[in-house]
Amino acid sequence: QVQLVESGGGSVQAGGSLRLSCASPGYTYSRYCLAWFRQAPGEEREFVSRLDFDGDTRYADFVKGRFTVSKDNYKINQYLQMNSLKPEDTAMYYCAAGRGSCYTYGPEGYNYWGQGTQVTVSS
């Protein structure tokens, strides 16, 4: 069973940066699609980024050029560097992992989820 543990959320002013981490305790080497989603109060969970095991990355249009996803080799650990944060980025951020190659931008394609970490951006 894969467990995902997130950290790095917090409160920043607009224009600031945060780096989210998502760790999977223990050594794991397999083919997983890693993703970040976010959910604001009263809103649907929405796709932020995904990172395939071959390194292919995709981003939602609203974070392109501001957010960068990366991972550790041979592990399911991933990171989300968030720069130039805006108040509309305020949400609970979730990391996710899905077995096999990435094939969807929807949350239904992921088998494992972190507990979420809150990001709050003030104007």
PDB file of N, CA and C in Angstrom:
ATOM      1  N   GLN A   1       0.844  -1.185   0.000  1.00  0.00           N
ATOM      2  CA  GLN A   1       0.000   0.000   0.000  1.00  0.00           C
ATOM      3  C   GLN A   1       0.885   1.243   0.000  1.00  0.00           C
ATOM      4  N   VAL A   2       0.661   2.102  -0.958  1.00  0.00           N
ATOM      5  CA  VAL A   2       1.435   3.338  -1.050  1.00  0.00           C
ATOM      6  C   VAL A   2       0.811   4.389  -0.149  1.00  0.00           C
ATOM      7  N   GLN A   3       1.622   5.004   0.694  1.00  0.00           N
ATOM      8  CA  GLN A   3       1.165   6.120   1.510  1.00  0.00           C
ATOM      9  C   GLN A   3       1.855   7.385   1.052  1.00  0.00           C
ATOM     10  N   LEU A   4       1.105   8.444   0.934  1.00  0.00           N
ATOM     11  CA  LEU A   4       1.646   9.727   0.492  1.00  0.00           C
ATOM     12  C   LEU A   4       1.497  10.740   1.625  1.00  0.00           C
ATOM     13  N   VAL A   5       2.594  11.389   1.967  1.00  0.00           N
ATOM     14  CA  VAL A   5       2.614  12.360   3.063  1.00  0.00           C
ATOM     15  C   VAL A   5       3.068  13.697   2.512  1.00  0.00           C
ATOM     16  N   GLU A   6       2.219  14.695   2.658  1.00  0.00           N
ATOM     17  CA  GLU A   6       2.512  16.012   2.100  1.00  0.00           C
ATOM     18  C   GLU A   6       3.023  16.958   3.176  1.00  0.00           C
ATOM     19  N   SER A   7       3.780  17.954   2.715  1.00  0.00           N
ATOM     20  CA  SER A   7       4.239  19.018   3.596  1.00  0.00           C
ATOM     21  C   SER A   7       4.562  20.236   2.761  1.00  0.00           C
ATOM     22  N   GLY A   8       4.740  21.377   3.423  1.00  0.00           N
ATOM     23  CA  GLY A   8       5.193  22.572   2.731  1.00  0.00           C
ATOM     24  C   GLY A   8       4.149  23.648   2.510  1.00  0.00           C
ATOM     25  N   GLY A   9       2.905  23.381   2.828  1.00  0.00           N
ATOM     26  CA  GLY A   9       1.894  24.411   2.665  1.00  0.00           C
ATOM     27  C   GLY A   9       2.081  25.532   3.669  1.00  0.00           C
ATOM     28  N   GLY A  10       1.316  26.591   3.503  1.00  0.00           N
ATOM     29  CA  GLY A  10       1.400  27.711   4.428  1.00  0.00           C
ATOM     30  C   GLY A  10       0.722  28.935   3.867  1.00  0.00           C
ATOM     31  N   SER A  11       1.008  30.065   4.494  1.00  0.00           N
ATOM     32  CA  SER A  11       0.421  31.342   4.083  1.00  0.00           C
ATOM     33  C   SER A  11       1.512  32.257   3.555  1.00  0.00           C
ATOM     34  N   VAL A  12       1.254  32.848   2.397  1.00  0.00           N
ATOM     35  CA  VAL A  12       2.198  33.787   1.788  1.00  0.00           C
ATOM     36  C   VAL A  12       1.433  34.944   1.190  1.00  0.00           C
ATOM     37  N   GLN A  13       2.149  36.007   0.916  1.00  0.00           N
ATOM     38  CA  GLN A  13       1.544  37.132   0.211  1.00  0.00           C
ATOM     39  C   GLN A  13       1.645  36.900  -1.297  1.00  0.00           C
ATOM     40  N   ALA A  14       0.774  37.571  -2.024  1.00  0.00           N
ATOM     41  CA  ALA A  14       0.796  37.469  -3.480  1.00  0.00           C
ATOM     42  C   ALA A  14       2.192  37.792  -4.006  1.00  0.00           C
ATOM     43  N   GLY A  15       2.630  36.990  -4.971  1.00  0.00           N
ATOM     44  CA  GLY A  15       3.968  37.143  -5.517  1.00  0.00           C
ATOM     45  C   GLY A  15       5.001  36.264  -4.843  1.00  0.00           C
ATOM     46  N   GLY A  16       4.636  35.671  -3.727  1.00  0.00           N
ATOM     47  CA  GLY A  16       5.558  34.829  -2.988  1.00  0.00           C
ATOM     48  C   GLY A  16       5.652  33.425  -3.551  1.00  0.00           C
ATOM     49  N   SER A  17       6.440  32.595  -2.865  1.00  0.00           N
ATOM     50  CA  SER A  17       6.693  31.214  -3.321  1.00  0.00           C
ATOM     51  C   SER A  17       6.514  30.226  -2.189  1.00  0.00           C
ATOM     52  N   LEU A  18       6.157  29.021  -2.569  1.00  0.00           N
ATOM     53  CA  LEU A  18       6.101  27.886  -1.656  1.00  0.00           C
ATOM     54  C   LEU A  18       6.557  26.644  -2.404  1.00  0.00           C
ATOM     55  N   ARG A  19       7.081  25.690  -1.659  1.00  0.00           N
ATOM     56  CA  ARG A  19       7.471  24.406  -2.255  1.00  0.00           C
ATOM     57  C   ARG A  19       6.775  23.295  -1.486  1.00  0.00           C
ATOM     58  N   LEU A  20       5.928  22.586  -2.180  1.00  0.00           N
ATOM     59  CA  LEU A  20       5.219  21.463  -1.591  1.00  0.00           C
ATOM     60  C   LEU A  20       6.008  20.179  -1.828  1.00  0.00           C
ATOM     61  N   SER A  21       5.979  19.307  -0.838  1.00  0.00           N
ATOM     62  CA  SER A  21       6.628  18.007  -0.951  1.00  0.00           C
ATOM     63  C   SER A  21       5.607  16.905  -0.726  1.00  0.00           C
ATOM     64  N   CYS A  22       5.820  15.811  -1.396  1.00  0.00           N
ATOM     65  CA  CYS A  22       4.951  14.642  -1.241  1.00  0.00           C
ATOM     66  C   CYS A  22       5.863  13.428  -1.173  1.00  0.00           C
ATOM     67  N   ALA A  23       5.909  12.813  -0.006  1.00  0.00           N
ATOM     68  CA  ALA A  23       6.826  11.700   0.216  1.00  0.00           C
ATOM     69  C   ALA A  23       6.072  10.395   0.374  1.00  0.00           C
ATOM     70  N   SER A  24       6.680   9.353  -0.131  1.00  0.00           N
ATOM     71  CA  SER A  24       6.157   8.011   0.078  1.00  0.00           C
ATOM     72  C   SER A  24       7.189   7.247   0.893  1.00  0.00           C
ATOM     73  N   PRO A  25       6.944   7.051   2.179  1.00  0.00           N
ATOM     74  CA  PRO A  25       7.944   6.421   3.033  1.00  0.00           C
ATOM     75  C   PRO A  25       8.370   5.053   2.522  1.00  0.00           C
ATOM     76  N   GLY A  26       9.652   4.832   2.544  1.00  0.00           N
ATOM     77  CA  GLY A  26      10.155   3.555   2.082  1.00  0.00           C
ATOM     78  C   GLY A  26      10.599   3.641   0.636  1.00  0.00           C
ATOM     79  N   TYR A  27      11.352   2.671   0.237  1.00  0.00           N
ATOM     80  CA  TYR A  27      11.886   2.657  -1.121  1.00  0.00           C
ATOM     81  C   TYR A  27      10.883   1.996  -2.052  1.00  0.00           C
ATOM     82  N   THR A  28      10.539   2.716  -3.105  1.00  0.00           N
ATOM     83  CA  THR A  28       9.589   2.165  -4.059  1.00  0.00           C
ATOM     84  C   THR A  28      10.074   2.481  -5.461  1.00  0.00           C
ATOM     85  N   TYR A  29      10.135   1.508  -6.293  1.00  0.00           N
ATOM     86  CA  TYR A  29      10.519   1.769  -7.679  1.00  0.00           C
ATOM     87  C   TYR A  29       9.544   1.050  -8.581  1.00  0.00           C
ATOM     88  N   SER A  30       8.709   1.817  -9.188  1.00  0.00           N
ATOM     89  CA  SER A  30       7.726   1.242 -10.079  1.00  0.00           C
ATOM     90  C   SER A  30       7.222   2.333 -11.003  1.00  0.00           C
ATOM     91  N   ARG A  31       6.367   1.952 -11.891  1.00  0.00           N
ATOM     92  CA  ARG A  31       5.846   2.924 -12.853  1.00  0.00           C
ATOM     93  C   ARG A  31       4.583   3.566 -12.296  1.00  0.00           C
ATOM     94  N   TYR A  32       4.721   4.822 -11.932  1.00  0.00           N
ATOM     95  CA  TYR A  32       3.606   5.576 -11.405  1.00  0.00           C
ATOM     96  C   TYR A  32       3.499   6.911 -12.116  1.00  0.00           C
ATOM     97  N   CYS A  33       2.279   7.348 -12.255  1.00  0.00           N
ATOM     98  CA  CYS A  33       2.008   8.706 -12.681  1.00  0.00           C
ATOM     99  C   CYS A  33       1.802   9.530 -11.413  1.00  0.00           C
ATOM    100  N   LEU A  34       2.534  10.622 -11.265  1.00  0.00           N
ATOM    101  CA  LEU A  34       2.430  11.484 -10.088  1.00  0.00           C
ATOM    102  C   LEU A  34       1.722  12.776 -10.463  1.00  0.00           C
ATOM    103  N   ALA A  35       0.839  13.217  -9.596  1.00  0.00           N
ATOM    104  CA  ALA A  35       0.055  14.407  -9.930  1.00  0.00           C
ATOM    105  C   ALA A  35      -0.193  15.267  -8.697  1.00  0.00           C
ATOM    106  N   TRP A  36      -0.538  16.503  -8.963  1.00  0.00           N
ATOM    107  CA  TRP A  36      -1.021  17.442  -7.951  1.00  0.00           C
ATOM    108  C   TRP A  36      -2.397  17.931  -8.391  1.00  0.00           C
ATOM    109  N   PHE A  37      -3.295  17.973  -7.422  1.00  0.00           N
ATOM    110  CA  PHE A  37      -4.618  18.559  -7.605  1.00  0.00           C
ATOM    111  C   PHE A  37      -4.827  19.595  -6.515  1.00  0.00           C
ATOM    112  N   ARG A  38      -5.820  20.431  -6.695  1.00  0.00           N
ATOM    113  CA  ARG A  38      -6.167  21.379  -5.641  1.00  0.00           C
ATOM    114  C   ARG A  38      -7.679  21.533  -5.577  1.00  0.00           C
ATOM    115  N   GLN A  39      -8.127  21.945  -4.401  1.00  0.00           N
ATOM    116  CA  GLN A  39      -9.558  22.113  -4.200  1.00  0.00           C
ATOM    117  C   GLN A  39      -9.805  23.290  -3.273  1.00  0.00           C
ATOM    118  N   ALA A  40     -10.506  24.269  -3.790  1.00  0.00           N
ATOM    119  CA  ALA A  40     -10.908  25.415  -2.992  1.00  0.00           C
ATOM    120  C   ALA A  40     -12.282  25.143  -2.382  1.00  0.00           C
ATOM    121  N   PRO A  41     -12.635  25.803  -1.300  1.00  0.00           N
ATOM    122  CA  PRO A  41     -13.951  25.580  -0.673  1.00  0.00           C
ATOM    123  C   PRO A  41     -15.084  25.789  -1.659  1.00  0.00           C
ATOM    124  N   GLY A  42     -15.983  24.811  -1.724  1.00  0.00           N
ATOM    125  CA  GLY A  42     -17.138  24.916  -2.601  1.00  0.00           C
ATOM    126  C   GLY A  42     -16.860  24.629  -4.063  1.00  0.00           C
ATOM    127  N   GLU A  43     -15.610  24.242  -4.360  1.00  0.00           N
ATOM    128  CA  GLU A  43     -15.228  23.986  -5.744  1.00  0.00           C
ATOM    129  C   GLU A  43     -14.894  22.509  -5.942  1.00  0.00           C
ATOM    130  N   GLU A  44     -14.870  22.106  -7.211  1.00  0.00           N
ATOM    131  CA  GLU A  44     -14.440  20.759  -7.554  1.00  0.00           C
ATOM    132  C   GLU A  44     -12.922  20.646  -7.414  1.00  0.00           C
ATOM    133  N   ARG A  45     -12.459  19.432  -7.201  1.00  0.00           N
ATOM    134  CA  ARG A  45     -11.017  19.195  -7.203  1.00  0.00           C
ATOM    135  C   ARG A  45     -10.524  19.349  -8.633  1.00  0.00           C
ATOM    136  N   GLU A  46      -9.461  20.136  -8.809  1.00  0.00           N
ATOM    137  CA  GLU A  46      -8.995  20.406 -10.167  1.00  0.00           C
ATOM    138  C   GLU A  46      -7.534  20.024 -10.355  1.00  0.00           C
ATOM    139  N   PHE A  47      -7.221  19.652 -11.570  1.00  0.00           N
ATOM    140  CA  PHE A  47      -5.877  19.233 -11.946  1.00  0.00           C
ATOM    141  C   PHE A  47      -4.925  20.427 -11.915  1.00  0.00           C
ATOM    142  N   VAL A  48      -3.723  20.189 -11.390  1.00  0.00           N
ATOM    143  CA  VAL A  48      -2.670  21.204 -11.388  1.00  0.00           C
ATOM    144  C   VAL A  48      -1.504  20.769 -12.266  1.00  0.00           C
ATOM    145  N   SER A  49      -0.987  19.562 -12.026  1.00  0.00           N
ATOM    146  CA  SER A  49       0.166  19.093 -12.790  1.00  0.00           C
ATOM    147  C   SER A  49       0.218  17.578 -12.730  1.00  0.00           C
ATOM    148  N   ARG A  50       0.955  16.994 -13.687  1.00  0.00           N
ATOM    149  CA  ARG A  50       1.230  15.579 -13.618  1.00  0.00           C
ATOM    150  C   ARG A  50       2.618  15.315 -14.168  1.00  0.00           C
ATOM    151  N   LEU A  51       3.243  14.238 -13.676  1.00  0.00           N
ATOM    152  CA  LEU A  51       4.608  13.897 -14.037  1.00  0.00           C
ATOM    153  C   LEU A  51       4.662  12.400 -14.252  1.00  0.00           C
ATOM    154  N   ASP A  52       4.931  12.003 -15.471  1.00  0.00           N
ATOM    155  CA  ASP A  52       4.957  10.593 -15.805  1.00  0.00           C
ATOM    156  C   ASP A  52       6.300   9.999 -15.409  1.00  0.00           C
ATOM    157  N   PHE A  53       6.371   8.672 -15.328  1.00  0.00           N
ATOM    158  CA  PHE A  53       7.613   8.024 -14.890  1.00  0.00           C
ATOM    159  C   PHE A  53       8.745   8.244 -15.895  1.00  0.00           C
ATOM    160  N   ASP A  54       8.395   8.607 -17.149  1.00  0.00           N
ATOM    161  CA  ASP A  54       9.443   8.867 -18.140  1.00  0.00           C
ATOM    162  C   ASP A  54       9.864  10.336 -18.153  1.00  0.00           C
ATOM    163  N   GLY A  55       9.304  11.118 -17.231  1.00  0.00           N
ATOM    164  CA  GLY A  55       9.674  12.519 -17.121  1.00  0.00           C
ATOM    165  C   GLY A  55       8.759  13.494 -17.818  1.00  0.00           C
ATOM    166  N   ASP A  56       7.813  13.003 -18.604  1.00  0.00           N
ATOM    167  CA  ASP A  56       6.879  13.895 -19.288  1.00  0.00           C
ATOM    168  C   ASP A  56       6.049  14.658 -18.265  1.00  0.00           C
ATOM    169  N   THR A  57       5.966  15.974 -18.410  1.00  0.00           N
ATOM    170  CA  THR A  57       5.206  16.800 -17.478  1.00  0.00           C
ATOM    171  C   THR A  57       4.095  17.557 -18.200  1.00  0.00           C
ATOM    172  N   ARG A  58       2.994  17.745 -17.517  1.00  0.00           N
ATOM    173  CA  ARG A  58       1.880  18.538 -18.035  1.00  0.00           C
ATOM    174  C   ARG A  58       1.373  19.436 -16.913  1.00  0.00           C
ATOM    175  N   TYR A  59       0.923  20.625 -17.294  1.00  0.00           N
ATOM    176  CA  TYR A  59       0.422  21.589 -16.322  1.00  0.00           C
ATOM    177  C   TYR A  59      -0.925  22.138 -16.760  1.00  0.00           C
ATOM    178  N   ALA A  60      -1.722  22.514 -15.785  1.00  0.00           N
ATOM    179  CA  ALA A  60      -2.932  23.268 -16.084  1.00  0.00           C
ATOM    180  C   ALA A  60      -2.518  24.637 -16.604  1.00  0.00           C
ATOM    181  N   ASP A  61      -3.328  25.188 -17.489  1.00  0.00           N
ATOM    182  CA  ASP A  61      -2.977  26.481 -18.100  1.00  0.00           C
ATOM    183  C   ASP A  61      -2.761  27.566 -17.048  1.00  0.00           C
ATOM    184  N   PHE A  62      -3.504  27.513 -15.963  1.00  0.00           N
ATOM    185  CA  PHE A  62      -3.442  28.602 -14.999  1.00  0.00           C
ATOM    186  C   PHE A  62      -2.170  28.575 -14.144  1.00  0.00           C
ATOM    187  N   VAL A  63      -1.346  27.528 -14.267  1.00  0.00           N
ATOM    188  CA  VAL A  63      -0.092  27.500 -13.510  1.00  0.00           C
ATOM    189  C   VAL A  63       1.143  27.460 -14.403  1.00  0.00           C
ATOM    190  N   LYS A  64       0.954  27.390 -15.692  1.00  0.00           N
ATOM    191  CA  LYS A  64       2.096  27.327 -16.608  1.00  0.00           C
ATOM    192  C   LYS A  64       2.995  28.544 -16.435  1.00  0.00           C
ATOM    193  N   GLY A  65       4.290  28.260 -16.331  1.00  0.00           N
ATOM    194  CA  GLY A  65       5.263  29.330 -16.170  1.00  0.00           C
ATOM    195  C   GLY A  65       5.463  29.764 -14.735  1.00  0.00           C
ATOM    196  N   ARG A  66       4.613  29.287 -13.836  1.00  0.00           N
ATOM    197  CA  ARG A  66       4.734  29.665 -12.418  1.00  0.00           C
ATOM    198  C   ARG A  66       5.064  28.466 -11.536  1.00  0.00           C
ATOM    199  N   PHE A  67       4.527  27.306 -11.859  1.00  0.00           N
ATOM    200  CA  PHE A  67       4.733  26.105 -11.043  1.00  0.00           C
ATOM    201  C   PHE A  67       5.638  25.133 -11.790  1.00  0.00           C
ATOM    202  N   THR A  68       6.462  24.416 -11.034  1.00  0.00           N
ATOM    203  CA  THR A  68       7.333  23.397 -11.606  1.00  0.00           C
ATOM    204  C   THR A  68       7.276  22.149 -10.742  1.00  0.00           C
ATOM    205  N   VAL A  69       7.038  21.015 -11.376  1.00  0.00           N
ATOM    206  CA  VAL A  69       6.976  19.746 -10.664  1.00  0.00           C
ATOM    207  C   VAL A  69       8.264  18.971 -10.913  1.00  0.00           C
ATOM    208  N   SER A  70       8.696  18.246  -9.896  1.00  0.00           N
ATOM    209  CA  SER A  70       9.883  17.416 -10.031  1.00  0.00           C
ATOM    210  C   SER A  70       9.723  16.193  -9.150  1.00  0.00           C
ATOM    211  N   LYS A  71      10.616  15.235  -9.309  1.00  0.00           N
ATOM    212  CA  LYS A  71      10.519  14.018  -8.506  1.00  0.00           C
ATOM    213  C   LYS A  71      11.895  13.463  -8.219  1.00  0.00           C
ATOM    214  N   ASP A  72      11.971  12.563  -7.271  1.00  0.00           N
ATOM    215  CA  ASP A  72      13.200  11.823  -6.994  1.00  0.00           C
ATOM    216  C   ASP A  72      13.223  10.577  -7.870  1.00  0.00           C
ATOM    217  N   ASN A  73      14.389  10.249  -8.372  1.00  0.00           N
ATOM    218  CA  ASN A  73      14.510   9.018  -9.154  1.00  0.00           C
ATOM    219  C   ASN A  73      14.283   7.796  -8.271  1.00  0.00           C
ATOM    220  N   TYR A  74      13.620   6.825  -8.814  1.00  0.00           N
ATOM    221  CA  TYR A  74      13.407   5.529  -8.176  1.00  0.00           C
ATOM    222  C   TYR A  74      12.516   5.592  -6.944  1.00  0.00           C
ATOM    223  N   LYS A  75      11.824   6.732  -6.770  1.00  0.00           N
ATOM    224  CA  LYS A  75      10.896   6.861  -5.653  1.00  0.00           C
ATOM    225  C   LYS A  75       9.634   7.543  -6.139  1.00  0.00           C
ATOM    226  N   ILE A  76       8.633   7.539  -5.279  1.00  0.00           N
ATOM    227  CA  ILE A  76       7.391   8.210  -5.632  1.00  0.00           C
ATOM    228  C   ILE A  76       7.365   9.618  -5.045  1.00  0.00           C
ATOM    229  N   ASN A  77       8.456  10.090  -4.466  1.00  0.00           N
ATOM    230  CA  ASN A  77       8.508  11.451  -3.925  1.00  0.00           C
ATOM    231  C   ASN A  77       8.408  12.464  -5.051  1.00  0.00           C
ATOM    232  N   GLN A  78       7.602  13.493  -4.832  1.00  0.00           N
ATOM    233  CA  GLN A  78       7.515  14.545  -5.822  1.00  0.00           C
ATOM    234  C   GLN A  78       7.421  15.895  -5.109  1.00  0.00           C
ATOM    235  N   TYR A  79       7.690  16.948  -5.889  1.00  0.00           N
ATOM    236  CA  TYR A  79       7.751  18.293  -5.345  1.00  0.00           C
ATOM    237  C   TYR A  79       7.047  19.251  -6.297  1.00  0.00           C
ATOM    238  N   LEU A  80       6.443  20.270  -5.723  1.00  0.00           N
ATOM    239  CA  LEU A  80       5.794  21.290  -6.535  1.00  0.00           C
ATOM    240  C   LEU A  80       6.320  22.645  -6.091  1.00  0.00           C
ATOM    241  N   GLN A  81       7.142  23.250  -6.924  1.00  0.00           N
ATOM    242  CA  GLN A  81       7.649  24.594  -6.675  1.00  0.00           C
ATOM    243  C   GLN A  81       6.656  25.586  -7.235  1.00  0.00           C
ATOM    244  N   MET A  82       6.129  26.430  -6.365  1.00  0.00           N
ATOM    245  CA  MET A  82       5.098  27.384  -6.771  1.00  0.00           C
ATOM    246  C   MET A  82       5.642  28.798  -6.601  1.00  0.00           C
ATOM    247  N   ASN A  83       5.779  29.497  -7.709  1.00  0.00           N
ATOM    248  CA  ASN A  83       6.268  30.880  -7.711  1.00  0.00           C
ATOM    249  C   ASN A  83       5.174  31.829  -8.169  1.00  0.00           C
ATOM    250  N   SER A  84       5.375  33.106  -7.922  1.00  0.00           N
ATOM    251  CA  SER A  84       4.423  34.134  -8.360  1.00  0.00           C
ATOM    252  C   SER A  84       2.999  33.768  -7.954  1.00  0.00           C
ATOM    253  N   LEU A  85       2.838  33.383  -6.720  1.00  0.00           N
ATOM    254  CA  LEU A  85       1.525  32.938  -6.250  1.00  0.00           C
ATOM    255  C   LEU A  85       0.514  34.071  -6.263  1.00  0.00           C
ATOM    256  N   LYS A  86      -0.725  33.684  -6.553  1.00  0.00           N
ATOM    257  CA  LYS A  86      -1.837  34.620  -6.636  1.00  0.00           C
ATOM    258  C   LYS A  86      -2.897  34.236  -5.608  1.00  0.00           C
ATOM    259  N   PRO A  87      -3.724  35.176  -5.197  1.00  0.00           N
ATOM    260  CA  PRO A  87      -4.801  34.824  -4.244  1.00  0.00           C
ATOM    261  C   PRO A  87      -5.688  33.695  -4.747  1.00  0.00           C
ATOM    262  N   GLU A  88      -5.888  33.612  -6.053  1.00  0.00           N
ATOM    263  CA  GLU A  88      -6.734  32.553  -6.607  1.00  0.00           C
ATOM    264  C   GLU A  88      -6.084  31.176  -6.549  1.00  0.00           C
ATOM    265  N   ASP A  89      -4.812  31.120  -6.147  1.00  0.00           N
ATOM    266  CA  ASP A  89      -4.159  29.829  -5.924  1.00  0.00           C
ATOM    267  C   ASP A  89      -4.489  29.250  -4.552  1.00  0.00           C
ATOM    268  N   THR A  90      -5.189  30.013  -3.732  1.00  0.00           N
ATOM    269  CA  THR A  90      -5.559  29.529  -2.409  1.00  0.00           C
ATOM    270  C   THR A  90      -6.444  28.301  -2.515  1.00  0.00           C
ATOM    271  N   ALA A  91      -6.016  27.208  -1.875  1.00  0.00           N
ATOM    272  CA  ALA A  91      -6.743  25.940  -1.941  1.00  0.00           C
ATOM    273  C   ALA A  91      -6.030  24.918  -1.079  1.00  0.00           C
ATOM    274  N   MET A  92      -6.683  23.777  -0.911  1.00  0.00           N
ATOM    275  CA  MET A  92      -6.021  22.606  -0.353  1.00  0.00           C
ATOM    276  C   MET A  92      -5.378  21.879  -1.521  1.00  0.00           C
ATOM    277  N   TYR A  93      -4.113  21.584  -1.381  1.00  0.00           N
ATOM    278  CA  TYR A  93      -3.372  20.908  -2.445  1.00  0.00           C
ATOM    279  C   TYR A  93      -3.155  19.444  -2.067  1.00  0.00           C
ATOM    280  N   TYR A  94      -3.434  18.563  -3.030  1.00  0.00           N
ATOM    281  CA  TYR A  94      -3.308  17.134  -2.816  1.00  0.00           C
ATOM    282  C   TYR A  94      -2.325  16.530  -3.820  1.00  0.00           C
ATOM    283  N   CYS A  95      -1.451  15.656  -3.346  1.00  0.00           N
ATOM    284  CA  CYS A  95      -0.643  14.879  -4.277  1.00  0.00           C
ATOM    285  C   CYS A  95      -1.329  13.534  -4.498  1.00  0.00           C
ATOM    286  N   ALA A  96      -1.047  12.952  -5.637  1.00  0.00           N
ATOM    287  CA  ALA A  96      -1.688  11.693  -5.998  1.00  0.00           C
ATOM    288  C   ALA A  96      -0.721  10.843  -6.809  1.00  0.00           C
ATOM    289  N   ALA A  97      -0.942   9.541  -6.774  1.00  0.00           N
ATOM    290  CA  ALA A  97      -0.135   8.619  -7.564  1.00  0.00           C
ATOM    291  C   ALA A  97      -1.052   7.579  -8.189  1.00  0.00           C
ATOM    292  N   GLY A  98      -0.795   7.301  -9.446  1.00  0.00           N
ATOM    293  CA  GLY A  98      -1.565   6.292 -10.150  1.00  0.00           C
ATOM    294  C   GLY A  98      -0.647   5.272 -10.782  1.00  0.00           C
ATOM    295  N   ARG A  99      -1.045   4.014 -10.721  1.00  0.00           N
ATOM    296  CA  ARG A  99      -0.217   2.949 -11.298  1.00  0.00           C
ATOM    297  C   ARG A  99      -0.192   3.079 -12.815  1.00  0.00           C
ATOM    298  N   GLY A 100       0.999   2.873 -13.383  1.00  0.00           N
ATOM    299  CA  GLY A 100       1.139   2.920 -14.828  1.00  0.00           C
ATOM    300  C   GLY A 100       1.372   4.323 -15.340  1.00  0.00           C
ATOM    301  N   SER A 101       1.290   4.439 -16.661  1.00  0.00           N
ATOM    302  CA  SER A 101       1.518   5.731 -17.304  1.00  0.00           C
ATOM    303  C   SER A 101       0.354   6.682 -17.054  1.00  0.00           C
ATOM    304  N   CYS A 102       0.655   7.970 -17.134  1.00  0.00           N
ATOM    305  CA  CYS A 102      -0.399   8.977 -17.021  1.00  0.00           C
ATOM    306  C   CYS A 102      -1.330   8.858 -18.230  1.00  0.00           C
ATOM    307  N   TYR A 103      -2.623   8.956 -17.982  1.00  0.00           N
ATOM    308  CA  TYR A 103      -3.564   8.865 -19.100  1.00  0.00           C
ATOM    309  C   TYR A 103      -4.761   9.799 -18.948  1.00  0.00           C
ATOM    310  N   THR A 104      -4.850  10.490 -17.818  1.00  0.00           N
ATOM    311  CA  THR A 104      -6.010  11.336 -17.581  1.00  0.00           C
ATOM    312  C   THR A 104      -5.616  12.567 -16.786  1.00  0.00           C
ATOM    313  N   TYR A 105      -6.432  13.616 -16.923  1.00  0.00           N
ATOM    314  CA  TYR A 105      -6.258  14.805 -16.099  1.00  0.00           C
ATOM    315  C   TYR A 105      -7.280  14.837 -14.963  1.00  0.00           C
ATOM    316  N   GLY A 106      -8.078  13.811 -14.866  1.00  0.00           N
ATOM    317  CA  GLY A 106      -9.097  13.763 -13.824  1.00  0.00           C
ATOM    318  C   GLY A 106      -8.653  12.982 -12.617  1.00  0.00           C
ATOM    319  N   PRO A 107      -9.239  13.246 -11.454  1.00  0.00           N
ATOM    320  CA  PRO A 107      -8.847  12.548 -10.225  1.00  0.00           C
ATOM    321  C   PRO A 107      -9.156  11.052 -10.249  1.00  0.00           C
ATOM    322  N   GLU A 108     -10.026  10.600 -11.139  1.00  0.00           N
ATOM    323  CA  GLU A 108     -10.394   9.186 -11.165  1.00  0.00           C
ATOM    324  C   GLU A 108      -9.252   8.272 -11.575  1.00  0.00           C
ATOM    325  N   GLY A 109      -8.204   8.837 -12.145  1.00  0.00           N
ATOM    326  CA  GLY A 109      -7.103   8.027 -12.642  1.00  0.00           C
ATOM    327  C   GLY A 109      -6.011   7.740 -11.627  1.00  0.00           C
ATOM    328  N   TYR A 110      -6.221   8.088 -10.370  1.00  0.00           N
ATOM    329  CA  TYR A 110      -5.169   7.971  -9.369  1.00  0.00           C
ATOM    330  C   TYR A 110      -5.620   7.095  -8.212  1.00  0.00           C
ATOM    331  N   ASN A 111      -4.721   6.190  -7.825  1.00  0.00           N
ATOM    332  CA  ASN A 111      -5.056   5.175  -6.828  1.00  0.00           C
ATOM    333  C   ASN A 111      -4.779   5.624  -5.401  1.00  0.00           C
ATOM    334  N   TYR A 112      -3.822   6.533  -5.242  1.00  0.00           N
ATOM    335  CA  TYR A 112      -3.374   6.911  -3.901  1.00  0.00           C
ATOM    336  C   TYR A 112      -3.361   8.426  -3.772  1.00  0.00           C
ATOM    337  N   TRP A 113      -3.720   8.892  -2.569  1.00  0.00           N
ATOM    338  CA  TRP A 113      -3.831  10.327  -2.324  1.00  0.00           C
ATOM    339  C   TRP A 113      -3.181  10.697  -0.992  1.00  0.00           C
ATOM    340  N   GLY A 114      -2.588  11.889  -0.962  1.00  0.00           N
ATOM    341  CA  GLY A 114      -2.113  12.449   0.293  1.00  0.00           C
ATOM    342  C   GLY A 114      -3.278  13.066   1.058  1.00  0.00           C
ATOM    343  N   GLN A 115      -2.983  13.525   2.266  1.00  0.00           N
ATOM    344  CA  GLN A 115      -4.017  14.069   3.134  1.00  0.00           C
ATOM    345  C   GLN A 115      -4.345  15.526   2.808  1.00  0.00           C
ATOM    346  N   GLY A 116      -3.512  16.156   2.004  1.00  0.00           N
ATOM    347  CA  GLY A 116      -3.739  17.548   1.637  1.00  0.00           C
ATOM    348  C   GLY A 116      -2.925  18.502   2.478  1.00  0.00           C
ATOM    349  N   THR A 117      -2.505  19.603   1.871  1.00  0.00           N
ATOM    350  CA  THR A 117      -1.806  20.657   2.590  1.00  0.00           C
ATOM    351  C   THR A 117      -2.375  21.999   2.122  1.00  0.00           C
ATOM    352  N   GLN A 118      -2.656  22.876   3.078  1.00  0.00           N
ATOM    353  CA  GLN A 118      -3.336  24.133   2.768  1.00  0.00           C
ATOM    354  C   GLN A 118      -2.346  25.183   2.280  1.00  0.00           C
ATOM    355  N   VAL A 119      -2.716  25.834   1.204  1.00  0.00           N
ATOM    356  CA  VAL A 119      -1.965  26.973   0.678  1.00  0.00           C
ATOM    357  C   VAL A 119      -2.899  28.179   0.688  1.00  0.00           C
ATOM    358  N   THR A 120      -2.474  29.241   1.338  1.00  0.00           N
ATOM    359  CA  THR A 120      -3.267  30.461   1.414  1.00  0.00           C
ATOM    360  C   THR A 120      -2.420  31.633   0.931  1.00  0.00           C
ATOM    361  N   VAL A 121      -2.940  32.338  -0.068  1.00  0.00           N
ATOM    362  CA  VAL A 121      -2.217  33.474  -0.641  1.00  0.00           C
ATOM    363  C   VAL A 121      -3.051  34.730  -0.407  1.00  0.00           C
ATOM    364  N   SER A 122      -2.473  35.693   0.261  1.00  0.00           N
ATOM    365  CA  SER A 122      -3.186  36.934   0.567  1.00  0.00           C
ATOM    366  C   SER A 122      -2.747  38.037  -0.389  1.00  0.00           C
ATOM    367  N   SER A 123      -3.670  38.948  -0.645  1.00  0.00           N
ATOM    368  CA  SER A 123      -3.376  40.039  -1.582  1.00  0.00           C
ATOM    369  C   SER A 123      -2.739  41.214  -0.874  1.00  0.00           C
TER     370      SER A 123
END
